[in-house]
Amino acid sequence: MKILIADDHALVREGLRTLLEAQPDIEVVGEAMNGEEAVNKTNELRPDIVLMDITMPVMNGLEATQKIKKDNPDVKILVLTMHEGDEYFFKFLDLGASGYFIKGGSSAELVSALRVVGHGDVFLYPTMAKKLLGDYMQRVNMGDAKESYDGLTPREREIVKLIAEGYTNQAIADLLVLSVATVQTHRAHIMAKLDLRGPTALVKYALRRGFITLDT
């Protein structure tokens, strides 16, 4: 995985680079000290994932994420922040961020989160996952969320559960004795049937329908 680190503190960037470059499957391709530089370096270096701080000068992480996802929709954003409040969390998810990691987490958890995001899945720090569930349960009670799984086959429901639990396409294929191409086809059909956009939306759906729990 090619990673771009965006953080305005040089010490944080140096520490993250040292941590990540010790991993055999991770390459740090660049660093950015503000949001504008993160946008420019994403266009130049084409990383797989941008590790994005929120509070940065010139352009903050939220604005940078919006520009990156518009110009490079395949680039994944893992937010790395001290903010555990709602102010930024839901905005980043709406912009298509693939993960939200709180800086109080361990280095091993961060590496694991990057790998989850790198495989095309979503990572939410546990405290943020609870916020997500609470928000959607409130919307259900108010009648604002109306997804239905009536159109899903039993196999598709099984695949929804595994995707939401964090299994990669290859792992799902191995578990269900299918080809990866078949899993990818099922996944595309599921997203189209449910009119969902991205892995975060699928996790929300699975939580609401009881396919998975926060403990899962």
N, C-alpha and C. Protein backbone atom coordinates (compact mmCIF):
# COMPACT_ATOMS: atom_id res chain seq x y z
N MET A 1 0.84 -1.19 0.00
CA MET A 1 0.00 0.00 0.00
C MET A 1 0.87 1.24 0.00
N LYS A 2 0.53 2.18 -0.84
CA LYS A 2 1.24 3.45 -0.90
C LYS A 2 0.47 4.47 -0.05
N ILE A 3 1.17 5.05 0.93
CA ILE A 3 0.53 5.93 1.91
C ILE A 3 1.10 7.34 1.81
N LEU A 4 0.20 8.33 1.84
CA LEU A 4 0.60 9.73 1.99
C LEU A 4 0.17 10.18 3.38
N ILE A 5 1.10 10.75 4.14
CA ILE A 5 0.81 11.21 5.50
C ILE A 5 0.56 12.72 5.46
N ALA A 6 -0.61 13.14 5.92
CA ALA A 6 -0.94 14.57 5.96
C ALA A 6 -1.18 15.00 7.41
N ASP A 7 -0.23 15.74 7.96
CA ASP A 7 -0.33 16.21 9.34
C ASP A 7 0.58 17.43 9.47
N ASP A 8 0.13 18.44 10.21
CA ASP A 8 0.92 19.66 10.30
C ASP A 8 2.04 19.60 11.33
N HIS A 9 2.13 18.51 12.09
CA HIS A 9 3.20 18.37 13.08
C HIS A 9 4.30 17.45 12.54
N ALA A 10 5.52 18.01 12.40
CA ALA A 10 6.63 17.24 11.85
C ALA A 10 6.94 16.01 12.69
N LEU A 11 6.84 16.14 14.00
CA LEU A 11 7.15 15.01 14.87
C LEU A 11 6.16 13.87 14.65
N VAL A 12 4.90 14.20 14.46
CA VAL A 12 3.89 13.17 14.19
C VAL A 12 4.17 12.48 12.87
N ARG A 13 4.49 13.27 11.84
CA ARG A 13 4.79 12.68 10.53
C ARG A 13 6.00 11.75 10.60
N GLU A 14 7.03 12.19 11.31
CA GLU A 14 8.23 11.36 11.43
C GLU A 14 7.92 10.05 12.16
N GLY A 15 7.13 10.14 13.23
CA GLY A 15 6.78 8.94 13.97
C GLY A 15 5.95 7.97 13.13
N LEU A 16 4.99 8.51 12.39
CA LEU A 16 4.15 7.67 11.53
C LEU A 16 4.98 7.03 10.42
N ARG A 17 5.89 7.80 9.83
CA ARG A 17 6.73 7.24 8.77
C ARG A 17 7.58 6.08 9.31
N THR A 18 8.17 6.27 10.48
CA THR A 18 9.00 5.21 11.08
C THR A 18 8.18 3.96 11.34
N LEU A 19 6.97 4.15 11.88
CA LEU A 19 6.08 3.02 12.15
C LEU A 19 5.69 2.30 10.87
N LEU A 20 5.24 3.04 9.88
CA LEU A 20 4.68 2.43 8.68
C LEU A 20 5.75 1.80 7.79
N GLU A 21 6.91 2.42 7.72
CA GLU A 21 7.96 1.88 6.85
C GLU A 21 8.56 0.59 7.41
N ALA A 22 8.25 0.28 8.67
CA ALA A 22 8.69 -1.00 9.25
C ALA A 22 7.79 -2.15 8.82
N GLN A 23 6.67 -1.83 8.14
CA GLN A 23 5.73 -2.86 7.69
C GLN A 23 6.09 -3.29 6.28
N PRO A 24 6.14 -4.59 6.01
CA PRO A 24 6.58 -5.07 4.70
C PRO A 24 5.63 -4.74 3.56
N ASP A 25 4.37 -4.47 3.88
CA ASP A 25 3.37 -4.24 2.83
C ASP A 25 2.97 -2.78 2.71
N ILE A 26 3.73 -1.87 3.34
CA ILE A 26 3.38 -0.46 3.33
C ILE A 26 4.57 0.38 2.87
N GLU A 27 4.30 1.33 1.98
CA GLU A 27 5.32 2.26 1.51
C GLU A 27 4.80 3.68 1.70
N VAL A 28 5.54 4.50 2.42
CA VAL A 28 5.19 5.91 2.58
C VAL A 28 5.76 6.66 1.39
N VAL A 29 4.88 7.18 0.53
CA VAL A 29 5.34 7.83 -0.71
C VAL A 29 5.51 9.33 -0.55
N GLY A 30 5.00 9.89 0.55
CA GLY A 30 5.16 11.33 0.73
C GLY A 30 4.52 11.82 2.00
N GLU A 31 4.79 13.11 2.30
CA GLU A 31 4.22 13.77 3.47
C GLU A 31 3.68 15.13 3.05
N ALA A 32 2.65 15.58 3.77
CA ALA A 32 2.09 16.90 3.54
C ALA A 32 1.87 17.58 4.88
N MET A 33 2.16 18.88 4.95
CA MET A 33 2.04 19.60 6.22
C MET A 33 0.75 20.43 6.30
N ASN A 34 -0.03 20.44 5.22
CA ASN A 34 -1.32 21.11 5.25
C ASN A 34 -2.24 20.49 4.20
N GLY A 35 -3.51 20.88 4.23
CA GLY A 35 -4.48 20.26 3.34
C GLY A 35 -4.22 20.53 1.88
N GLU A 36 -3.80 21.74 1.56
CA GLU A 36 -3.53 22.08 0.16
C GLU A 36 -2.40 21.23 -0.40
N GLU A 37 -1.35 21.05 0.42
CA GLU A 37 -0.23 20.21 0.00
C GLU A 37 -0.68 18.75 -0.13
N ALA A 38 -1.60 18.31 0.72
CA ALA A 38 -2.12 16.94 0.62
C ALA A 38 -2.84 16.73 -0.71
N VAL A 39 -3.62 17.72 -1.13
CA VAL A 39 -4.32 17.63 -2.41
C VAL A 39 -3.32 17.56 -3.56
N ASN A 40 -2.34 18.47 -3.55
CA ASN A 40 -1.36 18.52 -4.63
C ASN A 40 -0.52 17.25 -4.69
N LYS A 41 -0.11 16.75 -3.54
CA LYS A 41 0.74 15.55 -3.53
C LYS A 41 -0.06 14.29 -3.88
N THR A 42 -1.35 14.29 -3.58
CA THR A 42 -2.20 13.16 -4.01
C THR A 42 -2.26 13.13 -5.53
N ASN A 43 -2.44 14.28 -6.15
CA ASN A 43 -2.47 14.34 -7.61
C ASN A 43 -1.14 13.91 -8.22
N GLU A 44 -0.04 14.26 -7.53
CA GLU A 44 1.29 13.96 -8.05
C GLU A 44 1.72 12.51 -7.80
N LEU A 45 1.47 12.01 -6.58
CA LEU A 45 2.04 10.73 -6.16
C LEU A 45 1.07 9.55 -6.28
N ARG A 46 -0.22 9.83 -6.40
CA ARG A 46 -1.25 8.79 -6.54
C ARG A 46 -1.14 7.71 -5.45
N PRO A 47 -1.23 8.09 -4.19
CA PRO A 47 -1.19 7.08 -3.12
C PRO A 47 -2.47 6.24 -3.12
N ASP A 48 -2.41 5.09 -2.48
CA ASP A 48 -3.61 4.28 -2.29
C ASP A 48 -4.46 4.87 -1.16
N ILE A 49 -3.79 5.36 -0.11
CA ILE A 49 -4.48 5.88 1.06
C ILE A 49 -3.80 7.18 1.51
N VAL A 50 -4.64 8.16 1.86
CA VAL A 50 -4.13 9.36 2.52
C VAL A 50 -4.50 9.27 3.99
N LEU A 51 -3.48 9.31 4.85
CA LEU A 51 -3.69 9.34 6.29
C LEU A 51 -3.87 10.80 6.66
N MET A 52 -5.11 11.21 6.93
CA MET A 52 -5.49 12.62 6.94
C MET A 52 -5.79 13.16 8.34
N ASP A 53 -5.00 14.15 8.76
CA ASP A 53 -5.32 14.89 9.98
C ASP A 53 -6.44 15.88 9.65
N ILE A 54 -7.15 16.35 10.67
CA ILE A 54 -8.24 17.30 10.43
C ILE A 54 -7.77 18.74 10.54
N THR A 55 -7.16 19.08 11.68
CA THR A 55 -6.80 20.48 11.95
C THR A 55 -5.43 20.78 11.37
N MET A 56 -5.44 21.41 10.18
CA MET A 56 -4.19 21.79 9.52
C MET A 56 -4.34 23.20 8.96
N PRO A 57 -3.23 23.92 8.79
CA PRO A 57 -3.30 25.28 8.24
C PRO A 57 -3.56 25.27 6.73
N VAL A 58 -3.81 26.45 6.18
CA VAL A 58 -4.04 26.69 4.76
C VAL A 58 -5.36 26.06 4.30
N MET A 59 -5.48 24.74 4.46
CA MET A 59 -6.71 24.01 4.13
C MET A 59 -6.84 22.87 5.11
N ASN A 60 -7.99 22.75 5.77
CA ASN A 60 -8.13 21.69 6.77
C ASN A 60 -8.38 20.34 6.10
N GLY A 61 -8.39 19.29 6.91
CA GLY A 61 -8.53 17.93 6.38
C GLY A 61 -9.86 17.67 5.72
N LEU A 62 -10.91 18.32 6.19
CA LEU A 62 -12.23 18.14 5.60
C LEU A 62 -12.28 18.68 4.18
N GLU A 63 -11.77 19.89 3.99
CA GLU A 63 -11.73 20.48 2.65
C GLU A 63 -10.82 19.67 1.73
N ALA A 64 -9.69 19.23 2.27
CA ALA A 64 -8.76 18.44 1.46
C ALA A 64 -9.40 17.12 1.02
N THR A 65 -10.12 16.48 1.94
CA THR A 65 -10.79 15.22 1.60
C THR A 65 -11.81 15.43 0.49
N GLN A 66 -12.57 16.51 0.58
CA GLN A 66 -13.57 16.80 -0.45
C GLN A 66 -12.92 16.95 -1.82
N LYS A 67 -11.82 17.68 -1.89
CA LYS A 67 -11.14 17.89 -3.17
C LYS A 67 -10.51 16.59 -3.68
N ILE A 68 -9.90 15.83 -2.78
CA ILE A 68 -9.25 14.58 -3.20
C ILE A 68 -10.28 13.59 -3.74
N LYS A 69 -11.39 13.43 -3.04
CA LYS A 69 -12.41 12.46 -3.47
C LYS A 69 -13.07 12.90 -4.78
N LYS A 70 -13.12 14.21 -5.03
CA LYS A 70 -13.69 14.69 -6.28
C LYS A 70 -12.76 14.41 -7.46
N ASP A 71 -11.46 14.66 -7.26
CA ASP A 71 -10.50 14.51 -8.35
C ASP A 71 -9.92 13.10 -8.45
N ASN A 72 -9.87 12.40 -7.33
CA ASN A 72 -9.27 11.04 -7.29
C ASN A 72 -10.17 10.13 -6.46
N PRO A 73 -11.34 9.77 -6.98
CA PRO A 73 -12.31 9.01 -6.17
C PRO A 73 -11.81 7.65 -5.69
N ASP A 74 -10.81 7.09 -6.37
CA ASP A 74 -10.29 5.78 -5.97
C ASP A 74 -9.32 5.87 -4.79
N VAL A 75 -8.82 7.06 -4.50
CA VAL A 75 -7.91 7.23 -3.37
C VAL A 75 -8.73 7.16 -2.09
N LYS A 76 -8.27 6.36 -1.14
CA LYS A 76 -9.00 6.17 0.12
C LYS A 76 -8.47 7.13 1.18
N ILE A 77 -9.35 7.58 2.03
CA ILE A 77 -8.99 8.51 3.11
C ILE A 77 -9.21 7.83 4.45
N LEU A 78 -8.14 7.74 5.26
CA LEU A 78 -8.27 7.30 6.64
C LEU A 78 -7.99 8.51 7.52
N VAL A 79 -9.01 8.99 8.20
CA VAL A 79 -8.87 10.17 9.06
C VAL A 79 -8.15 9.76 10.34
N LEU A 80 -7.15 10.53 10.70
CA LEU A 80 -6.38 10.28 11.93
C LEU A 80 -6.45 11.54 12.77
N THR A 81 -7.16 11.50 13.89
CA THR A 81 -7.47 12.73 14.59
C THR A 81 -7.65 12.52 16.09
N MET A 82 -7.60 13.63 16.83
CA MET A 82 -7.93 13.62 18.25
C MET A 82 -9.42 13.86 18.48
N HIS A 83 -10.14 14.29 17.44
CA HIS A 83 -11.54 14.68 17.59
C HIS A 83 -12.46 13.46 17.66
N GLU A 84 -13.16 13.30 18.78
CA GLU A 84 -14.12 12.21 18.92
C GLU A 84 -15.56 12.71 18.87
N GLY A 85 -15.74 14.01 18.65
CA GLY A 85 -17.09 14.57 18.60
C GLY A 85 -17.74 14.33 17.24
N ASP A 86 -19.02 14.75 17.15
CA ASP A 86 -19.80 14.56 15.94
C ASP A 86 -19.50 15.60 14.87
N GLU A 87 -18.84 16.70 15.25
CA GLU A 87 -18.70 17.83 14.36
C GLU A 87 -18.10 17.44 13.00
N TYR A 88 -17.06 16.61 13.04
CA TYR A 88 -16.39 16.23 11.81
C TYR A 88 -16.74 14.83 11.33
N PHE A 89 -17.04 13.96 12.27
CA PHE A 89 -17.18 12.53 11.97
C PHE A 89 -18.16 12.27 10.81
N PHE A 90 -19.38 12.75 10.93
CA PHE A 90 -20.39 12.45 9.91
C PHE A 90 -20.09 13.19 8.61
N LYS A 91 -19.46 14.35 8.69
CA LYS A 91 -19.09 15.07 7.47
C LYS A 91 -18.08 14.27 6.65
N PHE A 92 -17.09 13.68 7.33
CA PHE A 92 -16.09 12.89 6.62
C PHE A 92 -16.73 11.65 5.98
N LEU A 93 -17.64 10.99 6.70
CA LEU A 93 -18.31 9.82 6.13
C LEU A 93 -19.13 10.21 4.91
N ASP A 94 -19.81 11.34 4.98
CA ASP A 94 -20.60 11.80 3.85
C ASP A 94 -19.74 12.10 2.63
N LEU A 95 -18.49 12.51 2.87
CA LEU A 95 -17.58 12.81 1.76
C LEU A 95 -16.92 11.57 1.18
N GLY A 96 -17.13 10.42 1.84
CA GLY A 96 -16.59 9.18 1.29
C GLY A 96 -15.32 8.68 1.94
N ALA A 97 -14.98 9.21 3.12
CA ALA A 97 -13.80 8.68 3.84
C ALA A 97 -14.02 7.21 4.17
N SER A 98 -12.94 6.44 4.13
CA SER A 98 -13.03 4.99 4.35
C SER A 98 -12.74 4.57 5.78
N GLY A 99 -12.38 5.53 6.62
CA GLY A 99 -12.09 5.16 8.00
C GLY A 99 -11.89 6.38 8.87
N TYR A 100 -12.04 6.16 10.19
CA TYR A 100 -11.91 7.24 11.17
C TYR A 100 -11.20 6.66 12.37
N PHE A 101 -9.95 7.09 12.58
CA PHE A 101 -9.11 6.52 13.63
C PHE A 101 -8.75 7.60 14.63
N ILE A 102 -8.94 7.30 15.91
CA ILE A 102 -8.62 8.24 16.98
C ILE A 102 -7.17 8.07 17.41
N LYS A 103 -6.45 9.18 17.57
CA LYS A 103 -5.02 9.14 17.86
C LYS A 103 -4.68 8.46 19.18
N GLY A 104 -5.66 8.23 20.02
CA GLY A 104 -5.39 7.52 21.27
C GLY A 104 -5.23 6.02 21.06
N GLY A 105 -5.48 5.53 19.86
CA GLY A 105 -5.34 4.11 19.58
C GLY A 105 -3.88 3.69 19.50
N SER A 106 -3.65 2.39 19.48
CA SER A 106 -2.28 1.87 19.45
C SER A 106 -1.73 1.85 18.02
N SER A 107 -0.41 1.73 17.92
CA SER A 107 0.23 1.67 16.60
C SER A 107 -0.20 0.41 15.85
N ALA A 108 -0.37 -0.70 16.57
CA ALA A 108 -0.81 -1.94 15.93
C ALA A 108 -2.22 -1.79 15.36
N GLU A 109 -3.09 -1.08 16.10
CA GLU A 109 -4.45 -0.85 15.63
C GLU A 109 -4.45 0.03 14.39
N LEU A 110 -3.57 1.01 14.34
CA LEU A 110 -3.48 1.89 13.18
C LEU A 110 -3.05 1.11 11.94
N VAL A 111 -2.03 0.28 12.09
CA VAL A 111 -1.58 -0.54 10.95
C VAL A 111 -2.71 -1.45 10.48
N SER A 112 -3.43 -2.05 11.42
CA SER A 112 -4.56 -2.91 11.07
C SER A 112 -5.64 -2.11 10.34
N ALA A 113 -5.91 -0.88 10.80
CA ALA A 113 -6.90 -0.03 10.15
C ALA A 113 -6.51 0.29 8.72
N LEU A 114 -5.24 0.56 8.49
CA LEU A 114 -4.77 0.84 7.13
C LEU A 114 -4.96 -0.37 6.22
N ARG A 115 -4.70 -1.54 6.76
CA ARG A 115 -4.87 -2.75 5.95
C ARG A 115 -6.34 -3.00 5.63
N VAL A 116 -7.21 -2.74 6.59
CA VAL A 116 -8.65 -2.88 6.35
C VAL A 116 -9.08 -1.94 5.23
N VAL A 117 -8.68 -0.68 5.34
CA VAL A 117 -9.04 0.31 4.32
C VAL A 117 -8.40 -0.04 2.98
N GLY A 118 -7.16 -0.50 3.03
CA GLY A 118 -6.46 -0.86 1.80
C GLY A 118 -7.14 -1.97 1.02
N HIS A 119 -7.84 -2.85 1.73
CA HIS A 119 -8.57 -3.95 1.08
C HIS A 119 -9.93 -3.52 0.57
N GLY A 120 -10.24 -2.23 0.71
CA GLY A 120 -11.51 -1.74 0.20
C GLY A 120 -12.65 -1.78 1.20
N ASP A 121 -12.33 -2.05 2.45
CA ASP A 121 -13.36 -2.10 3.48
C ASP A 121 -13.30 -0.84 4.32
N VAL A 122 -14.16 -0.76 5.32
CA VAL A 122 -14.24 0.44 6.14
C VAL A 122 -13.75 0.15 7.56
N PHE A 123 -13.07 1.13 8.15
CA PHE A 123 -12.63 0.99 9.53
C PHE A 123 -13.19 2.16 10.33
N LEU A 124 -13.87 1.85 11.43
CA LEU A 124 -14.34 2.88 12.35
C LEU A 124 -13.84 2.54 13.75
N TYR A 125 -13.22 3.52 14.39
CA TYR A 125 -12.79 3.32 15.77
C TYR A 125 -14.03 3.02 16.61
N PRO A 126 -13.94 2.08 17.58
CA PRO A 126 -15.14 1.62 18.30
C PRO A 126 -16.04 2.72 18.83
N THR A 127 -15.46 3.78 19.42
CA THR A 127 -16.31 4.85 19.95
C THR A 127 -17.09 5.54 18.84
N MET A 128 -16.49 5.62 17.64
CA MET A 128 -17.16 6.27 16.53
C MET A 128 -18.23 5.36 15.92
N ALA A 129 -18.00 4.06 15.97
CA ALA A 129 -19.01 3.12 15.48
C ALA A 129 -20.30 3.24 16.29
N LYS A 130 -20.16 3.46 17.59
CA LYS A 130 -21.34 3.64 18.45
C LYS A 130 -22.10 4.91 18.06
N LYS A 131 -21.37 5.96 17.73
CA LYS A 131 -22.02 7.19 17.29
C LYS A 131 -22.79 6.94 15.99
N LEU A 132 -22.18 6.17 15.11
CA LEU A 132 -22.80 5.88 13.82
C LEU A 132 -24.10 5.11 14.02
N LEU A 133 -24.06 4.10 14.87
CA LEU A 133 -25.26 3.31 15.12
C LEU A 133 -26.35 4.18 15.77
N GLY A 134 -25.96 5.01 16.73
CA GLY A 134 -26.94 5.86 17.38
C GLY A 134 -27.60 6.82 16.42
N ASP A 135 -26.81 7.38 15.51
CA ASP A 135 -27.36 8.30 14.52
C ASP A 135 -28.37 7.61 13.61
N TYR A 136 -28.03 6.43 13.16
CA TYR A 136 -28.93 5.74 12.22
C TYR A 136 -30.16 5.17 12.91
N MET A 137 -30.01 4.77 14.15
CA MET A 137 -31.20 4.32 14.86
C MET A 137 -32.18 5.48 15.07
N GLN A 138 -31.64 6.66 15.31
CA GLN A 138 -32.50 7.83 15.44
C GLN A 138 -33.22 8.11 14.13
N ARG A 139 -32.50 7.97 13.02
CA ARG A 139 -33.12 8.21 11.72
C ARG A 139 -34.18 7.16 11.41
N VAL A 140 -33.94 5.93 11.82
CA VAL A 140 -34.94 4.88 11.62
C VAL A 140 -36.21 5.23 12.39
N ASN A 141 -36.05 5.63 13.65
CA ASN A 141 -37.20 5.97 14.48
C ASN A 141 -37.98 7.15 13.92
N MET A 142 -37.27 8.04 13.23
CA MET A 142 -37.93 9.20 12.64
C MET A 142 -38.46 8.91 11.24
N GLY A 143 -38.15 7.71 10.73
CA GLY A 143 -38.65 7.34 9.41
C GLY A 143 -37.85 7.89 8.26
N ASP A 144 -36.61 8.36 8.53
CA ASP A 144 -35.80 8.95 7.47
C ASP A 144 -35.00 7.93 6.69
N ALA A 145 -34.80 6.74 7.25
CA ALA A 145 -34.01 5.72 6.56
C ALA A 145 -34.93 4.56 6.20
N LYS A 146 -34.99 4.22 4.93
CA LYS A 146 -36.03 3.29 4.48
C LYS A 146 -35.49 2.14 3.63
N GLU A 147 -34.23 1.73 3.84
CA GLU A 147 -33.72 0.62 3.04
C GLU A 147 -34.52 -0.65 3.30
N SER A 148 -34.61 -1.48 2.31
CA SER A 148 -35.30 -2.76 2.45
C SER A 148 -34.38 -3.85 1.92
N TYR A 149 -34.38 -5.01 2.60
CA TYR A 149 -33.56 -6.11 2.06
C TYR A 149 -34.43 -7.16 1.40
N ASP A 150 -35.68 -6.84 1.06
CA ASP A 150 -36.57 -7.82 0.44
C ASP A 150 -36.00 -8.37 -0.86
N GLY A 151 -35.24 -7.54 -1.58
CA GLY A 151 -34.72 -7.98 -2.87
C GLY A 151 -33.46 -8.81 -2.80
N LEU A 152 -32.87 -8.99 -1.60
CA LEU A 152 -31.63 -9.74 -1.47
C LEU A 152 -31.90 -11.24 -1.39
N THR A 153 -31.06 -12.01 -2.07
CA THR A 153 -31.13 -13.46 -1.95
C THR A 153 -30.46 -13.89 -0.66
N PRO A 154 -30.70 -15.11 -0.18
CA PRO A 154 -29.99 -15.59 1.02
C PRO A 154 -28.48 -15.49 0.89
N ARG A 155 -27.95 -15.80 -0.30
CA ARG A 155 -26.52 -15.70 -0.51
C ARG A 155 -26.04 -14.26 -0.39
N GLU A 156 -26.81 -13.33 -0.94
CA GLU A 156 -26.43 -11.92 -0.86
C GLU A 156 -26.47 -11.42 0.57
N ARG A 157 -27.45 -11.87 1.35
CA ARG A 157 -27.50 -11.47 2.76
C ARG A 157 -26.28 -11.99 3.51
N GLU A 158 -25.88 -13.20 3.17
CA GLU A 158 -24.69 -13.79 3.80
C GLU A 158 -23.45 -12.96 3.47
N ILE A 159 -23.36 -12.53 2.23
CA ILE A 159 -22.21 -11.75 1.79
C ILE A 159 -22.23 -10.36 2.43
N VAL A 160 -23.41 -9.76 2.58
CA VAL A 160 -23.53 -8.47 3.27
C VAL A 160 -22.94 -8.59 4.67
N LYS A 161 -23.30 -9.64 5.38
CA LYS A 161 -22.82 -9.84 6.75
C LYS A 161 -21.30 -9.94 6.78
N LEU A 162 -20.73 -10.70 5.87
CA LEU A 162 -19.28 -10.90 5.87
C LEU A 162 -18.54 -9.61 5.49
N ILE A 163 -19.07 -8.88 4.52
CA ILE A 163 -18.45 -7.61 4.15
C ILE A 163 -18.46 -6.65 5.34
N ALA A 164 -19.60 -6.57 6.00
CA ALA A 164 -19.73 -5.65 7.13
C ALA A 164 -18.83 -6.04 8.30
N GLU A 165 -18.53 -7.34 8.41
CA GLU A 165 -17.63 -7.81 9.47
C GLU A 165 -16.17 -7.57 9.13
N GLY A 166 -15.91 -7.08 7.91
CA GLY A 166 -14.54 -6.72 7.56
C GLY A 166 -13.81 -7.73 6.70
N TYR A 167 -14.51 -8.77 6.24
CA TYR A 167 -13.85 -9.77 5.39
C TYR A 167 -13.57 -9.18 4.01
N THR A 168 -12.41 -9.50 3.46
CA THR A 168 -12.08 -9.08 2.10
C THR A 168 -12.80 -9.97 1.09
N ASN A 169 -12.79 -9.55 -0.17
CA ASN A 169 -13.40 -10.37 -1.22
C ASN A 169 -12.75 -11.76 -1.28
N GLN A 170 -11.42 -11.79 -1.14
CA GLN A 170 -10.73 -13.08 -1.20
C GLN A 170 -11.13 -13.98 -0.03
N ALA A 171 -11.24 -13.39 1.18
CA ALA A 171 -11.62 -14.18 2.35
C ALA A 171 -13.05 -14.70 2.22
N ILE A 172 -13.94 -13.87 1.68
CA ILE A 172 -15.33 -14.31 1.47
C ILE A 172 -15.37 -15.45 0.46
N ALA A 173 -14.60 -15.31 -0.60
CA ALA A 173 -14.55 -16.36 -1.62
C ALA A 173 -14.07 -17.68 -1.02
N ASP A 174 -13.06 -17.61 -0.16
CA ASP A 174 -12.53 -18.82 0.47
C ASP A 174 -13.57 -19.45 1.41
N LEU A 175 -14.25 -18.61 2.19
CA LEU A 175 -15.24 -19.12 3.14
C LEU A 175 -16.44 -19.77 2.45
N LEU A 176 -16.89 -19.16 1.37
CA LEU A 176 -18.10 -19.63 0.70
C LEU A 176 -17.82 -20.52 -0.50
N VAL A 177 -16.53 -20.79 -0.73
CA VAL A 177 -16.10 -21.63 -1.85
C VAL A 177 -16.64 -21.04 -3.17
N LEU A 178 -16.32 -19.79 -3.38
CA LEU A 178 -16.68 -19.09 -4.60
C LEU A 178 -15.42 -18.49 -5.21
N SER A 179 -15.52 -18.06 -6.45
CA SER A 179 -14.41 -17.32 -7.04
C SER A 179 -14.49 -15.86 -6.58
N VAL A 180 -13.36 -15.17 -6.60
CA VAL A 180 -13.34 -13.77 -6.22
C VAL A 180 -14.23 -12.96 -7.16
N ALA A 181 -14.21 -13.31 -8.44
CA ALA A 181 -15.04 -12.61 -9.42
C ALA A 181 -16.52 -12.74 -9.08
N THR A 182 -16.93 -13.92 -8.61
CA THR A 182 -18.34 -14.12 -8.22
C THR A 182 -18.70 -13.26 -7.03
N VAL A 183 -17.80 -13.18 -6.04
CA VAL A 183 -18.04 -12.34 -4.87
C VAL A 183 -18.15 -10.88 -5.30
N GLN A 184 -17.28 -10.45 -6.19
CA GLN A 184 -17.33 -9.06 -6.66
C GLN A 184 -18.64 -8.76 -7.38
N THR A 185 -19.12 -9.74 -8.13
CA THR A 185 -20.40 -9.57 -8.83
C THR A 185 -21.55 -9.46 -7.83
N HIS A 186 -21.55 -10.36 -6.83
CA HIS A 186 -22.58 -10.29 -5.79
C HIS A 186 -22.53 -8.92 -5.09
N ARG A 187 -21.33 -8.48 -4.80
CA ARG A 187 -21.16 -7.20 -4.09
C ARG A 187 -21.76 -6.05 -4.90
N ALA A 188 -21.49 -6.05 -6.20
CA ALA A 188 -22.02 -4.99 -7.06
C ALA A 188 -23.54 -5.03 -7.10
N HIS A 189 -24.11 -6.25 -7.18
CA HIS A 189 -25.56 -6.40 -7.20
C HIS A 189 -26.18 -5.90 -5.89
N ILE A 190 -25.53 -6.23 -4.77
CA ILE A 190 -26.04 -5.82 -3.46
C ILE A 190 -26.08 -4.29 -3.37
N MET A 191 -24.99 -3.64 -3.74
CA MET A 191 -24.94 -2.19 -3.66
C MET A 191 -25.99 -1.55 -4.55
N ALA A 192 -26.20 -2.14 -5.73
CA ALA A 192 -27.19 -1.59 -6.65
C ALA A 192 -28.61 -1.80 -6.12
N LYS A 193 -28.90 -2.99 -5.61
CA LYS A 193 -30.24 -3.29 -5.10
C LYS A 193 -30.61 -2.40 -3.92
N LEU A 194 -29.64 -2.16 -3.04
CA LEU A 194 -29.91 -1.38 -1.84
C LEU A 194 -29.66 0.11 -2.04
N ASP A 195 -29.16 0.47 -3.22
CA ASP A 195 -28.86 1.86 -3.53
C ASP A 195 -27.91 2.45 -2.49
N LEU A 196 -26.83 1.72 -2.22
CA LEU A 196 -25.83 2.14 -1.25
C LEU A 196 -24.60 2.67 -1.97
N ARG A 197 -23.89 3.57 -1.32
CA ARG A 197 -22.68 4.16 -1.90
C ARG A 197 -21.50 3.94 -0.96
N GLY A 198 -20.70 2.93 -1.23
CA GLY A 198 -19.48 2.73 -0.46
C GLY A 198 -19.65 1.79 0.72
N PRO A 199 -18.52 1.31 1.24
CA PRO A 199 -18.53 0.32 2.33
C PRO A 199 -19.11 0.84 3.63
N THR A 200 -18.95 2.14 3.91
CA THR A 200 -19.51 2.69 5.14
C THR A 200 -21.02 2.55 5.16
N ALA A 201 -21.66 2.84 4.04
CA ALA A 201 -23.12 2.73 3.95
C ALA A 201 -23.56 1.28 4.15
N LEU A 202 -22.76 0.34 3.67
CA LEU A 202 -23.10 -1.07 3.84
C LEU A 202 -23.01 -1.49 5.30
N VAL A 203 -22.02 -1.00 6.02
CA VAL A 203 -21.90 -1.30 7.45
C VAL A 203 -23.09 -0.73 8.21
N LYS A 204 -23.48 0.50 7.89
CA LYS A 204 -24.65 1.11 8.52
C LYS A 204 -25.89 0.23 8.30
N TYR A 205 -26.05 -0.20 7.07
CA TYR A 205 -27.21 -1.04 6.71
C TYR A 205 -27.20 -2.34 7.51
N ALA A 206 -26.03 -2.99 7.58
CA ALA A 206 -25.92 -4.27 8.28
C ALA A 206 -26.19 -4.12 9.77
N LEU A 207 -25.73 -3.02 10.36
CA LEU A 207 -26.00 -2.76 11.77
C LEU A 207 -27.50 -2.59 12.01
N ARG A 208 -28.14 -1.80 11.18
CA ARG A 208 -29.54 -1.52 11.35
C ARG A 208 -30.40 -2.77 11.19
N ARG A 209 -30.04 -3.61 10.24
CA ARG A 209 -30.82 -4.81 9.97
C ARG A 209 -30.48 -5.96 10.89
N GLY A 210 -29.49 -5.76 11.76
CA GLY A 210 -29.13 -6.81 12.70
C GLY A 210 -28.26 -7.91 12.13
N PHE A 211 -27.70 -7.68 10.93
CA PHE A 211 -26.79 -8.68 10.35
C PHE A 211 -25.52 -8.79 11.18
N ILE A 212 -25.10 -7.64 11.76
CA ILE A 212 -23.95 -7.61 12.65
C ILE A 212 -24.31 -6.77 13.87
N THR A 213 -23.47 -6.86 14.92
CA THR A 213 -23.63 -6.02 16.09
C THR A 213 -22.35 -5.26 16.32
N LEU A 214 -22.36 -4.32 17.24
CA LEU A 214 -21.12 -3.59 17.55
C LEU A 214 -20.06 -4.53 18.10
N ASP A 215 -20.48 -5.57 18.83
CA ASP A 215 -19.51 -6.55 19.32
C ASP A 215 -18.83 -7.26 18.16
N THR A 216 -19.61 -7.56 17.09
CA THR A 216 -19.02 -8.16 15.90
C THR A 216 -17.95 -7.26 15.32
